[in-house]
Amino acid sequence: MLKVSFENKDMDNNEAIAIIINDQLKIDSETLLIDQKHHGLISKTIKDKRIFKPEYGYSKILTTTNKDGEVRYLILIALGSEDHVSEVRIEEIGGEIHLLATSCKASSVGIRIPNKVGHLKQEKIAALLGGGALLASYRFDKYQTMKSNEEKFITEDFDIIVDDHEHALKLFEEQKSLALGVFFARDCINEVPNILYPESYAERILEKLEPLGIDVDVLGESQMRSLGMGALLGVGQGSSNESKLVVMKYNGLDDDSDPICFVGKGVTFDTGGISLKPAAGMGDMKYDMGGSASVVGVIKALALRNAKVNVVGIVGLVENMPGGNAQRPGDVVRTMSGQTVEVLNTDAEGRLVLCDCVTYLQQNFKPACIVDIATLTGAISISLGSTYAGCYANDDELAHKLIAASLKTNEKLWRMPLHPDYNDMLKSTVADIANIGSEKGLAGSSTAAHFIGRFINTGVKWAHLDIAGVAYDKKGTNPICPKGAVGFGVRLLNQFVKDNYESK
């Protein structure tokens, strides 16, 4: 893992030095000293509008030498206007610096930061830069055995020069806890499906979370059958891998206050079942447990940073396969709530998992609120692309809290409509409810949300986050997230808890 340090030392030993430049193109006295050591290279570059633009995120790498004639790199990165500075922007600059240093094959990079940027003080800036760099350093390459060391090269030391390094380190510890939660989520999502299936996934959760003081209970199929979880079990009945329900209880408070409750869809591989998906791109369906990864990731992050809050997380883990015992289109299953469901499409399986999860949650806990998160529908991607996740909520205040948190973390949510018309589209002629809407191709994400909403008790505050379009990044343009699993939702849910429920 990337080594992030906060010190007050000479940066000459670093193979790369990063300088943050605002839109005013003014350099402070410390940067001026660096500039003088390198014959005015920094000042000459930033004054030339042809080669340096002071727009946020713009960067330039300059090659130079130190006093001993060894090659060194100066990384100039533009902050833009300090009026528009935000914590996320500083994190992204930290991530970009790490990526640029890695591209130079610099084993270490030193950063000298201003005393203040906008409303942020030096120690906070340092912690955010370190957190962004840590997130950017993530790699999942354990199966790439033929890669050379050069191909696997990554900058290992990130040295941030700050006056009060003890305070900066303290602030960074929270950033590190959050990054480790994100890494856990990314690792689970990126893992290959013959290695990560319901049983092994449950074992991984136990292994990683129990040592942190989190109470983890794993329910097998016999237990779920006795509880009447016919919807969840129906999804997994075509697989030889046993379905699991994992319940995680984090008690950061000594009292018995009502917990914040998170529910995640954990379909470790989704073929679509008998309603088989097209072969092209089916390998991506290992990511269909992204919602569950968000839940286990945020639980880990909260525990690592000793958050003063009580939280319960539940993930339903199944594998949707077209075996000889697989669920058929037209089957009727009885849910834990007692409601019956006509399964018209076995590829609309995530809602069947979630409905039993939320019922179990409400029967065993008294939720302050419930937020479920799932890679639920392709329809949300058609609506929002890969920019926003969809947010459905039966409570305006809860929706506002989630959207406010999403703007802070840049894991953006867009509120989507709940309406009785969508509920009416779920009518069945043989059961209480159908698992897909009656009008093909219309309002697929909204009808899915309404399906889950049918299992939320009256008076319970509930939100549903459809992250199908944002859980996996194929572009790799986000400086704090390499291509692949994003871990979307870990930072968002952590911020949501921190801003609204955590005891200070």
Foldseek 3Di string as FASTA:
>chain_A
DAAEAEAADDFQVFQEEEEEAEQVRDDDPVVVVVCVQFPNPSSVQCVDCVRDHQAAFDKDKDWGAGPVRHIHIYIYGHHYHLCPDALQSLLLVLLVVQVVCQVVLTQEYEYEDDQDRNPRGPLSSSLSSVLSNLLLQDDDCPPVVPDDCNNVRGRRYYYYYDDPRVSSVVSNLLSVLLSQLLNQLQCQLPDALVQDAQVNVLVVLCVQPVVLVKDKDKDWDVRVVVLQAFLLQQQAQQDPDTKIKMKIKDALAPDQDAAAEEEFEAACAPQQAPLGDDPPPSSSRNNQRSQVSLQSSLSSSCSSVSFNGIYMYMYITHYGYHHPRHRDQQDWGQHSVRFIERENTSSQRRLSRLLNVVLVDVVVGPHPAYEYEGLGDPVQCVVPNQQAWEKEWPDPVLVVLLQVLCVNNSRHYDYDDADVVLVVQQDDPPTRGYSAGVDPPPPGVNNSVVSSVVSDDPPHIYMYINNSRHQFACPQPRSSHGGTGRSRNSSSVNSSCVVPPTDD
